PDB file of N, CA and C in Angstrom:
ATOM      1  N   MET A   1      83.725  85.273  86.084  1.00  0.00           N
ATOM      2  CA  MET A   1      83.825  84.417  87.239  1.00  0.00           C
ATOM      3  C   MET A   1      84.260  83.030  86.731  1.00  0.00           C
ATOM      4  N   LYS A   2      85.311  82.342  87.343  1.00  0.00           N
ATOM      5  CA  LYS A   2      85.677  81.189  86.950  1.00  0.00           C
ATOM      6  C   LYS A   2      84.686  80.112  87.304  1.00  0.00           C
ATOM      7  N   LYS A   3      84.235  79.163  86.541  1.00  0.00           N
ATOM      8  CA  LYS A   3      83.273  77.899  86.922  1.00  0.00           C
ATOM      9  C   LYS A   3      84.380  76.765  87.250  1.00  0.00           C
ATOM     10  N   LYS A   4      83.636  75.970  88.089  1.00  0.00           N
ATOM     11  CA  LYS A   4      84.257  74.533  88.429  1.00  0.00           C
ATOM     12  C   LYS A   4      84.323  73.829  87.151  1.00  0.00           C
ATOM     13  N   VAL A   5      85.372  73.042  86.848  1.00  0.00           N
ATOM     14  CA  VAL A   5      85.349  72.271  85.518  1.00  0.00           C
ATOM     15  C   VAL A   5      85.527  70.762  86.123  1.00  0.00           C
ATOM     16  N   ILE A   6      84.362  70.141  85.510  1.00  0.00           N
ATOM     17  CA  ILE A   6      84.472  68.518  85.923  1.00  0.00           C
ATOM     18  C   ILE A   6      84.741  67.899  84.445  1.00  0.00           C
ATOM     19  N   ILE A   7      85.917  66.915  84.575  1.00  0.00           N
ATOM     20  CA  ILE A   7      86.162  66.107  83.464  1.00  0.00           C
ATOM     21  C   ILE A   7      85.672  64.818  83.608  1.00  0.00           C
ATOM     22  N   ARG A   8      84.936  64.404  82.741  1.00  0.00           N
ATOM     23  CA  ARG A   8      84.583  63.029  82.780  1.00  0.00           C
ATOM     24  C   ARG A   8      85.609  61.975  82.505  1.00  0.00           C
ATOM     25  N   ALA A   9      85.603  60.419  82.863  1.00  0.00           N
ATOM     26  CA  ALA A   9      86.368  59.690  82.522  1.00  0.00           C
ATOM     27  C   ALA A   9      87.017  59.483  81.099  1.00  0.00           C
ATOM     28  N   LYS A  10      85.846  59.426  80.240  1.00  0.00           N
ATOM     29  CA  LYS A  10      85.979  59.280  78.906  1.00  0.00           C
ATOM     30  C   LYS A  10      86.914  60.359  78.362  1.00  0.00           C
ATOM     31  N   ALA A  11      86.676  61.558  78.815  1.00  0.00           N
ATOM     32  CA  ALA A  11      87.452  62.900  78.368  1.00  0.00           C
ATOM     33  C   ALA A  11      89.042  62.619  78.839  1.00  0.00           C
ATOM     34  N   LEU A  12      89.215  62.126  80.025  1.00  0.00           N
ATOM     35  CA  LEU A  12      90.519  62.084  80.449  1.00  0.00           C
ATOM     36  C   LEU A  12      91.234  60.821  79.716  1.00  0.00           C
ATOM     37  N   LYS A  13      90.585  59.678  79.364  1.00  0.00           N
ATOM     38  CA  LYS A  13      91.121  58.660  78.645  1.00  0.00           C
ATOM     39  C   LYS A  13      91.559  59.046  77.236  1.00  0.00           C
ATOM     40  N   SER A  14      90.608  60.080  76.580  1.00  0.00           N
ATOM     41  CA  SER A  14      90.767  60.616  75.225  1.00  0.00           C
ATOM     42  C   SER A  14      91.995  61.528  75.436  1.00  0.00           C
ATOM     43  N   LEU A  15      92.219  62.423  76.209  1.00  0.00           N
ATOM     44  CA  LEU A  15      93.120  63.366  76.741  1.00  0.00           C
ATOM     45  C   LEU A  15      94.563  62.379  76.808  1.00  0.00           C
ATOM     46  N   TYR A  16      94.646  61.481  77.459  1.00  0.00           N
ATOM     47  CA  TYR A  16      95.629  60.566  77.624  1.00  0.00           C
ATOM     48  C   TYR A  16      96.142  60.107  76.291  1.00  0.00           C
ATOM     49  N   GLU A  17      95.173  59.549  75.568  1.00  0.00           N
ATOM     50  CA  GLU A  17      95.545  58.667  74.167  1.00  0.00           C
ATOM     51  C   GLU A  17      95.899  59.824  73.166  1.00  0.00           C
ATOM     52  N   ALA A  18      95.438  61.112  73.148  1.00  0.00           N
ATOM     53  CA  ALA A  18      95.893  62.074  72.242  1.00  0.00           C
ATOM     54  C   ALA A  18      97.379  62.518  72.556  1.00  0.00           C
ATOM     55  N   CYS A  19      97.768  62.657  73.908  1.00  0.00           N
ATOM     56  CA  CYS A  19      99.058  62.979  74.158  1.00  0.00           C
ATOM     57  C   CYS A  19      99.857  61.989  73.942  1.00  0.00           C
ATOM     58  N   SER A  20      99.647  60.808  74.091  1.00  0.00           N
ATOM     59  CA  SER A  20     100.556  59.562  73.741  1.00  0.00           C
ATOM     60  C   SER A  20     100.663  59.489  72.310  1.00  0.00           C
ATOM     61  N   TRP A  21      99.581  59.751  71.477  1.00  0.00           N
ATOM     62  CA  TRP A  21      99.887  59.678  69.967  1.00  0.00           C
ATOM     63  C   TRP A  21     100.856  60.739  69.522  1.00  0.00           C
ATOM     64  N   TYR A  22     100.728  61.977  70.173  1.00  0.00           N
ATOM     65  CA  TYR A  22     101.548  63.312  69.687  1.00  0.00           C
ATOM     66  C   TYR A  22     102.962  62.759  70.100  1.00  0.00           C
ATOM     67  N   ASP A  23     103.160  62.182  71.434  1.00  0.00           N
ATOM     68  CA  ASP A  23     104.488  62.127  71.729  1.00  0.00           C
ATOM     69  C   ASP A  23     105.230  60.821  70.899  1.00  0.00           C
ATOM     70  N   GLU A  24     104.412  59.918  70.340  1.00  0.00           N
ATOM     71  CA  GLU A  24     104.978  58.897  69.520  1.00  0.00           C
ATOM     72  C   GLU A  24     105.341  59.714  68.197  1.00  0.00           C
ATOM     73  N   LYS A  25     104.769  60.690  67.871  1.00  0.00           N
ATOM     74  CA  LYS A  25     105.029  61.092  66.422  1.00  0.00           C
ATOM     75  C   LYS A  25     106.214  62.261  66.595  1.00  0.00           C
ATOM     76  N   GLN A  26     106.505  62.728  67.844  1.00  0.00           N
ATOM     77  CA  GLN A  26     107.532  63.709  67.917  1.00  0.00           C
ATOM     78  C   GLN A  26     107.682  63.867  69.567  1.00  0.00           C
ATOM     79  N   ALA A  27     108.970  63.603  69.998  1.00  0.00           N
ATOM     80  CA  ALA A  27     109.261  63.817  71.473  1.00  0.00           C
ATOM     81  C   ALA A  27     108.800  65.284  72.031  1.00  0.00           C
ATOM     82  N   GLY A  28     108.031  65.456  73.035  1.00  0.00           N
ATOM     83  CA  GLY A  28     107.621  66.438  73.472  1.00  0.00           C
ATOM     84  C   GLY A  28     106.351  67.330  72.948  1.00  0.00           C
ATOM     85  N   LEU A  29     105.897  66.750  71.922  1.00  0.00           N
ATOM     86  CA  LEU A  29     104.600  67.036  71.269  1.00  0.00           C
ATOM     87  C   LEU A  29     103.370  66.871  72.141  1.00  0.00           C
ATOM     88  N   GLY A  30     103.495  65.624  72.859  1.00  0.00           N
ATOM     89  CA  GLY A  30     102.298  65.495  73.665  1.00  0.00           C
ATOM     90  C   GLY A  30     102.292  66.477  74.849  1.00  0.00           C
ATOM     91  N   ILE A  31     103.324  66.803  75.355  1.00  0.00           N
ATOM     92  CA  ILE A  31     103.206  67.885  76.498  1.00  0.00           C
ATOM     93  C   ILE A  31     102.799  69.185  75.867  1.00  0.00           C
ATOM     94  N   LYS A  32     103.126  69.371  74.621  1.00  0.00           N
ATOM     95  CA  LYS A  32     102.593  70.764  73.958  1.00  0.00           C
ATOM     96  C   LYS A  32     101.220  70.748  73.747  1.00  0.00           C
ATOM     97  N   PHE A  33     100.612  69.402  73.368  1.00  0.00           N
ATOM     98  CA  PHE A  33      99.199  69.332  73.265  1.00  0.00           C
ATOM     99  C   PHE A  33      98.498  69.483  74.684  1.00  0.00           C
ATOM    100  N   TYR A  34      99.104  68.989  75.663  1.00  0.00           N
ATOM    101  CA  TYR A  34      98.420  68.956  76.909  1.00  0.00           C
ATOM    102  C   TYR A  34      98.502  70.379  77.380  1.00  0.00           C
ATOM    103  N   LYS A  35      99.466  71.110  77.164  1.00  0.00           N
ATOM    104  CA  LYS A  35      99.444  72.619  77.673  1.00  0.00           C
ATOM    105  C   LYS A  35      98.380  73.389  77.007  1.00  0.00           C
ATOM    106  N   SER A  36      98.235  73.100  75.794  1.00  0.00           N
ATOM    107  CA  SER A  36      97.384  73.724  74.807  1.00  0.00           C
ATOM    108  C   SER A  36      95.935  73.495  75.278  1.00  0.00           C
ATOM    109  N   PHE A  37      95.794  72.090  75.857  1.00  0.00           N
ATOM    110  CA  PHE A  37      94.339  71.691  76.383  1.00  0.00           C
ATOM    111  C   PHE A  37      93.927  72.451  77.621  1.00  0.00           C
ATOM    112  N   VAL A  38      95.198  72.603  78.444  1.00  0.00           N
ATOM    113  CA  VAL A  38      94.943  73.347  79.839  1.00  0.00           C
ATOM    114  C   VAL A  38      94.607  74.740  79.620  1.00  0.00           C
ATOM    115  N   ILE A  39      95.371  75.251  78.358  1.00  0.00           N
ATOM    116  CA  ILE A  39      95.015  76.756  78.193  1.00  0.00           C
ATOM    117  C   ILE A  39      93.339  76.929  77.705  1.00  0.00           C
ATOM    118  N   THR A  40      92.975  76.143  77.131  1.00  0.00           N
ATOM    119  CA  THR A  40      91.775  76.053  76.739  1.00  0.00           C
ATOM    120  C   THR A  40      91.035  75.702  77.445  1.00  0.00           C
ATOM    121  N   ARG A  41      91.156  74.893  78.420  1.00  0.00           N
ATOM    122  CA  ARG A  41      90.140  74.387  79.601  1.00  0.00           C
ATOM    123  C   ARG A  41      89.921  75.787  80.427  1.00  0.00           C
ATOM    124  N   LYS A  42      91.033  76.433  80.746  1.00  0.00           N
ATOM    125  CA  LYS A  42      90.986  77.686  81.552  1.00  0.00           C
ATOM    126  C   LYS A  42      90.343  78.645  80.932  1.00  0.00           C
ATOM    127  N   GLN A  43      90.202  78.845  79.546  1.00  0.00           N
ATOM    128  CA  GLN A  43      89.323  79.812  78.843  1.00  0.00           C
ATOM    129  C   GLN A  43      87.957  79.252  78.895  1.00  0.00           C
ATOM    130  N   ILE A  44      87.706  77.930  78.697  1.00  0.00           N
ATOM    131  CA  ILE A  44      86.229  77.683  78.906  1.00  0.00           C
ATOM    132  C   ILE A  44      85.788  77.947  80.308  1.00  0.00           C
ATOM    133  N   SER A  45      86.432  77.767  81.360  1.00  0.00           N
ATOM    134  CA  SER A  45      86.143  78.018  82.647  1.00  0.00           C
ATOM    135  C   SER A  45      85.831  79.364  82.970  1.00  0.00           C
ATOM    136  N   GLN A  46      86.444  80.472  82.366  1.00  0.00           N
ATOM    137  CA  GLN A  46      86.279  81.738  82.555  1.00  0.00           C
ATOM    138  C   GLN A  46      85.220  82.391  81.724  1.00  0.00           C
ATOM    139  N   PHE A  47      85.099  81.744  80.543  1.00  0.00           N
ATOM    140  CA  PHE A  47      84.121  82.129  79.382  1.00  0.00           C
ATOM    141  C   PHE A  47      83.243  81.049  78.917  1.00  0.00           C
ATOM    142  N   PRO A  48      82.616  80.257  79.504  1.00  0.00           N
ATOM    143  CA  PRO A  48      82.114  78.893  79.011  1.00  0.00           C
ATOM    144  C   PRO A  48      81.068  79.201  77.827  1.00  0.00           C
ATOM    145  N   GLU A  49      80.346  80.349  77.589  1.00  0.00           N
ATOM    146  CA  GLU A  49      79.312  80.714  76.773  1.00  0.00           C
ATOM    147  C   GLU A  49      80.049  81.447  75.528  1.00  0.00           C
ATOM    148  N   SER A  50      81.309  81.538  75.311  1.00  0.00           N
ATOM    149  CA  SER A  50      82.041  81.895  74.185  1.00  0.00           C
ATOM    150  C   SER A  50      82.216  81.013  73.180  1.00  0.00           C
ATOM    151  N   TYR A  51      82.322  79.778  73.423  1.00  0.00           N
ATOM    152  CA  TYR A  51      82.382  78.786  72.184  1.00  0.00           C
ATOM    153  C   TYR A  51      81.128  78.284  71.676  1.00  0.00           C
ATOM    154  N   GLN A  52      81.403  77.703  70.464  1.00  0.00           N
ATOM    155  CA  GLN A  52      80.442  77.282  69.593  1.00  0.00           C
ATOM    156  C   GLN A  52      79.296  76.381  70.109  1.00  0.00           C
ATOM    157  N   LEU A  53      78.167  76.554  70.072  1.00  0.00           N
ATOM    158  CA  LEU A  53      77.062  75.619  70.406  1.00  0.00           C
ATOM    159  C   LEU A  53      76.695  74.852  69.378  1.00  0.00           C
ATOM    160  N   SER A  54      76.703  73.474  69.618  1.00  0.00           N
ATOM    161  CA  SER A  54      76.119  72.601  68.567  1.00  0.00           C
ATOM    162  C   SER A  54      74.690  72.359  68.719  1.00  0.00           C
ATOM    163  N   LYS A  55      74.155  71.804  67.712  1.00  0.00           N
ATOM    164  CA  LYS A  55      72.734  71.475  67.779  1.00  0.00           C
ATOM    165  C   LYS A  55      72.188  70.709  68.737  1.00  0.00           C
ATOM    166  N   THR A  56      73.050  70.008  69.524  1.00  0.00           N
ATOM    167  CA  THR A  56      72.850  69.013  70.527  1.00  0.00           C
ATOM    168  C   THR A  56      72.934  69.819  71.915  1.00  0.00           C
ATOM    169  N   ASN A  57      73.377  70.903  71.972  1.00  0.00           N
ATOM    170  CA  ASN A  57      73.609  71.840  73.110  1.00  0.00           C
ATOM    171  C   ASN A  57      74.708  71.472  73.858  1.00  0.00           C
ATOM    172  N   TYR A  58      75.688  70.759  73.113  1.00  0.00           N
ATOM    173  CA  TYR A  58      77.078  70.891  73.627  1.00  0.00           C
ATOM    174  C   TYR A  58      77.931  71.728  73.018  1.00  0.00           C
ATOM    175  N   ARG A  59      78.937  72.269  73.656  1.00  0.00           N
ATOM    176  CA  ARG A  59      79.792  73.428  73.121  1.00  0.00           C
ATOM    177  C   ARG A  59      81.155  72.724  72.754  1.00  0.00           C
ATOM    178  N   LEU A  60      81.660  73.508  71.792  1.00  0.00           N
ATOM    179  CA  LEU A  60      83.160  73.055  71.265  1.00  0.00           C
ATOM    180  C   LEU A  60      84.128  73.780  71.309  1.00  0.00           C
ATOM    181  N   GLY A  61      85.004  73.712  72.191  1.00  0.00           N
ATOM    182  CA  GLY A  61      86.146  74.478  72.632  1.00  0.00           C
ATOM    183  C   GLY A  61      87.513  73.904  71.479  1.00  0.00           C
ATOM    184  N   ILE A  62      87.956  74.677  70.680  1.00  0.00           N
ATOM    185  CA  ILE A  62      89.072  74.427  70.004  1.00  0.00           C
ATOM    186  C   ILE A  62      90.313  74.314  70.729  1.00  0.00           C
ATOM    187  N   ILE A  63      91.040  73.256  70.640  1.00  0.00           N
ATOM    188  CA  ILE A  63      92.428  73.336  71.078  1.00  0.00           C
ATOM    189  C   ILE A  63      93.268  73.923  70.359  1.00  0.00           C
ATOM    190  N   GLU A  64      93.792  75.014  70.571  1.00  0.00           N
ATOM    191  CA  GLU A  64      94.721  75.829  69.773  1.00  0.00           C
ATOM    192  C   GLU A  64      95.911  75.020  69.203  1.00  0.00           C
ATOM    193  N   GLY A  65      96.306  75.205  67.944  1.00  0.00           N
ATOM    194  CA  GLY A  65      97.453  74.572  67.451  1.00  0.00           C
ATOM    195  C   GLY A  65      97.373  73.099  66.885  1.00  0.00           C
ATOM    196  N   PHE A  66      96.062  72.404  67.445  1.00  0.00           N
ATOM    197  CA  PHE A  66      95.864  71.080  66.955  1.00  0.00           C
ATOM    198  C   PHE A  66      94.396  70.871  66.600  1.00  0.00           C
ATOM    199  N   PRO A  67      94.549  69.700  65.824  1.00  0.00           N
ATOM    200  CA  PRO A  67      92.876  69.477  65.143  1.00  0.00           C
ATOM    201  C   PRO A  67      91.987  68.932  66.355  1.00  0.00           C
ATOM    202  N   TYR A  68      91.742  69.366  67.406  1.00  0.00           N
ATOM    203  CA  TYR A  68      91.156  68.644  68.699  1.00  0.00           C
ATOM    204  C   TYR A  68      90.104  69.609  69.205  1.00  0.00           C
ATOM    205  N   LEU A  69      88.994  69.063  69.445  1.00  0.00           N
ATOM    206  CA  LEU A  69      87.983  69.977  70.188  1.00  0.00           C
ATOM    207  C   LEU A  69      87.598  69.316  71.704  1.00  0.00           C
ATOM    208  N   ILE A  70      87.318  70.051  72.541  1.00  0.00           N
ATOM    209  CA  ILE A  70      86.878  69.823  73.806  1.00  0.00           C
ATOM    210  C   ILE A  70      85.308  69.975  73.773  1.00  0.00           C
ATOM    211  N   VAL A  71      84.633  68.770  74.062  1.00  0.00           N
ATOM    212  CA  VAL A  71      83.195  68.603  73.996  1.00  0.00           C
ATOM    213  C   VAL A  71      82.604  68.899  75.388  1.00  0.00           C
ATOM    214  N   TYR A  72      81.895  69.944  75.637  1.00  0.00           N
ATOM    215  CA  TYR A  72      81.598  70.293  76.983  1.00  0.00           C
ATOM    216  C   TYR A  72      79.927  70.837  77.102  1.00  0.00           C
ATOM    217  N   VAL A  73      79.609  70.925  78.063  1.00  0.00           N
ATOM    218  CA  VAL A  73      78.222  71.447  78.580  1.00  0.00           C
ATOM    219  C   VAL A  73      78.452  72.510  79.754  1.00  0.00           C
ATOM    220  N   ASN A  74      77.875  73.344  79.574  1.00  0.00           N
ATOM    221  CA  ASN A  74      77.910  74.670  80.593  1.00  0.00           C
ATOM    222  C   ASN A  74      76.767  74.428  81.499  1.00  0.00           C
ATOM    223  N   ASP A  75      76.874  73.788  82.411  1.00  0.00           N
ATOM    224  CA  ASP A  75      75.722  73.605  83.587  1.00  0.00           C
ATOM    225  C   ASP A  75      75.740  74.865  84.474  1.00  0.00           C
ATOM    226  N   PRO A  76      74.641  75.003  85.021  1.00  0.00           N
ATOM    227  CA  PRO A  76      74.731  76.297  86.104  1.00  0.00           C
ATOM    228  C   PRO A  76      75.748  76.092  87.208  1.00  0.00           C
ATOM    229  N   GLU A  77      76.167  75.011  87.485  1.00  0.00           N
ATOM    230  CA  GLU A  77      76.866  74.727  88.861  1.00  0.00           C
ATOM    231  C   GLU A  77      78.414  74.614  88.280  1.00  0.00           C
ATOM    232  N   ALA A  78      78.573  74.209  86.926  1.00  0.00           N
ATOM    233  CA  ALA A  78      79.951  73.764  86.488  1.00  0.00           C
ATOM    234  C   ALA A  78      79.862  73.310  85.025  1.00  0.00           C
ATOM    235  N   VAL A  79      81.234  73.629  84.513  1.00  0.00           N
ATOM    236  CA  VAL A  79      81.510  73.119  83.299  1.00  0.00           C
ATOM    237  C   VAL A  79      81.817  71.676  83.133  1.00  0.00           C
ATOM    238  N   ILE A  80      81.169  70.677  82.395  1.00  0.00           N
ATOM    239  CA  ILE A  80      81.416  69.301  82.506  1.00  0.00           C
ATOM    240  C   ILE A  80      81.963  69.129  81.059  1.00  0.00           C
ATOM    241  N   ILE A  81      83.260  68.516  81.000  1.00  0.00           N
ATOM    242  CA  ILE A  81      83.897  68.247  79.827  1.00  0.00           C
ATOM    243  C   ILE A  81      83.502  66.752  79.670  1.00  0.00           C
ATOM    244  N   TYR A  82      82.875  66.547  78.539  1.00  0.00           N
ATOM    245  CA  TYR A  82      82.529  64.874  78.096  1.00  0.00           C
ATOM    246  C   TYR A  82      83.573  64.213  77.357  1.00  0.00           C
ATOM    247  N   ASN A  83      84.246  65.003  76.451  1.00  0.00           N
ATOM    248  CA  ASN A  83      85.184  64.295  75.546  1.00  0.00           C
ATOM    249  C   ASN A  83      86.038  65.294  74.887  1.00  0.00           C
ATOM    250  N   ILE A  84      87.275  64.765  74.519  1.00  0.00           N
ATOM    251  CA  ILE A  84      88.203  65.393  73.467  1.00  0.00           C
ATOM    252  C   ILE A  84      88.466  64.806  72.497  1.00  0.00           C
ATOM    253  N   ILE A  85      88.109  65.313  71.464  1.00  0.00           N
ATOM    254  CA  ILE A  85      88.101  64.320  69.997  1.00  0.00           C
ATOM    255  C   ILE A  85      88.863  65.314  68.978  1.00  0.00           C
ATOM    256  N   SER A  86      89.108  64.444  68.017  1.00  0.00           N
ATOM    257  CA  SER A  86      89.732  65.013  66.738  1.00  0.00           C
ATOM    258  C   SER A  86      88.534  65.577  66.020  1.00  0.00           C
ATOM    259  N   ALA A  87      88.935  66.742  65.562  1.00  0.00           N
ATOM    260  CA  ALA A  87      88.054  67.508  64.578  1.00  0.00           C
ATOM    261  C   ALA A  87      87.519  66.911  63.351  1.00  0.00           C
ATOM    262  N   HIS A  88      88.440  65.911  63.203  1.00  0.00           N
ATOM    263  CA  HIS A  88      87.958  64.978  61.833  1.00  0.00           C
ATOM    264  C   HIS A  88      87.243  63.898  62.113  1.00  0.00           C
ATOM    265  N   GLU A  89      86.807  63.664  63.102  1.00  0.00           N
ATOM    266  CA  GLU A  89      85.828  62.435  63.570  1.00  0.00           C
ATOM    267  C   GLU A  89      84.330  62.878  63.006  1.00  0.00           C
ATOM    268  N   SER A  90      83.713  61.704  62.835  1.00  0.00           N
ATOM    269  CA  SER A  90      82.354  61.959  62.220  1.00  0.00           C
ATOM    270  C   SER A  90      81.445  62.552  63.530  1.00  0.00           C
ATOM    271  N   PRO A  91      80.465  63.337  63.205  1.00  0.00           N
ATOM    272  CA  PRO A  91      79.641  64.023  64.129  1.00  0.00           C
ATOM    273  C   PRO A  91      78.938  63.085  65.183  1.00  0.00           C
ATOM    274  N   GLU A  92      78.613  61.753  64.745  1.00  0.00           N
ATOM    275  CA  GLU A  92      77.953  60.839  65.617  1.00  0.00           C
ATOM    276  C   GLU A  92      78.904  60.290  66.666  1.00  0.00           C
ATOM    277  N   LYS A  93      80.136  60.435  66.471  1.00  0.00           N
ATOM    278  CA  LYS A  93      81.269  60.156  67.624  1.00  0.00           C
ATOM    279  C   LYS A  93      81.484  61.271  68.443  1.00  0.00           C
ATOM    280  N   ARG A  94      81.109  62.654  68.042  1.00  0.00           N
ATOM    281  CA  ARG A  94      81.647  63.638  68.885  1.00  0.00           C
ATOM    282  C   ARG A  94      80.786  63.997  70.079  1.00  0.00           C
ATOM    283  N   PHE A  95      79.368  63.475  70.230  1.00  0.00           N
ATOM    284  CA  PHE A  95      78.664  63.690  71.345  1.00  0.00           C
ATOM    285  C   PHE A  95      78.161  62.426  72.131  1.00  0.00           C
ATOM    286  N   PRO A  96      78.285  62.703  73.246  1.00  0.00           N
ATOM    287  CA  PRO A  96      77.733  61.458  74.182  1.00  0.00           C
ATOM    288  C   PRO A  96      76.321  60.954  73.893  1.00  0.00           C
ATOM    289  N   LYS A  97      75.822  59.901  73.923  1.00  0.00           N
ATOM    290  CA  LYS A  97      74.585  59.714  73.661  1.00  0.00           C
ATOM    291  C   LYS A  97      73.595  60.035  74.810  1.00  0.00           C
ATOM    292  N   ASN A  98      74.167  59.864  76.025  1.00  0.00           N
ATOM    293  CA  ASN A  98      73.543  60.097  77.257  1.00  0.00           C
ATOM    294  C   ASN A  98      74.414  61.188  77.976  1.00  0.00           C
ATOM    295  N   LYS A  99      74.015  61.980  78.573  1.00  0.00           N
ATOM    296  CA  LYS A  99      74.967  62.962  79.716  1.00  0.00           C
ATOM    297  C   LYS A  99      75.004  62.268  81.062  1.00  0.00           C
TER     298      LYS A  99
END
């Protein structure tokens, strides 16, 4: 069963920045990144427990074809996406300090 997905403002900002960065590198690559994000978001919505659980109870969905992760929590009512980050970022930056 699909769950409702809530995307926090910080995650939307990170998504926009990543799409813009990829478009600067190569025309159309930002759209490809966005489409890959949408596919991963749909998979998370359908199977929220299937992605890696971190020590801080956040889950990490890998955006296929890009070194980016979707940081989310599987709440009873919805999946909440807190951030979209580069897999190369330090662990301290990956997870929000407070939900």
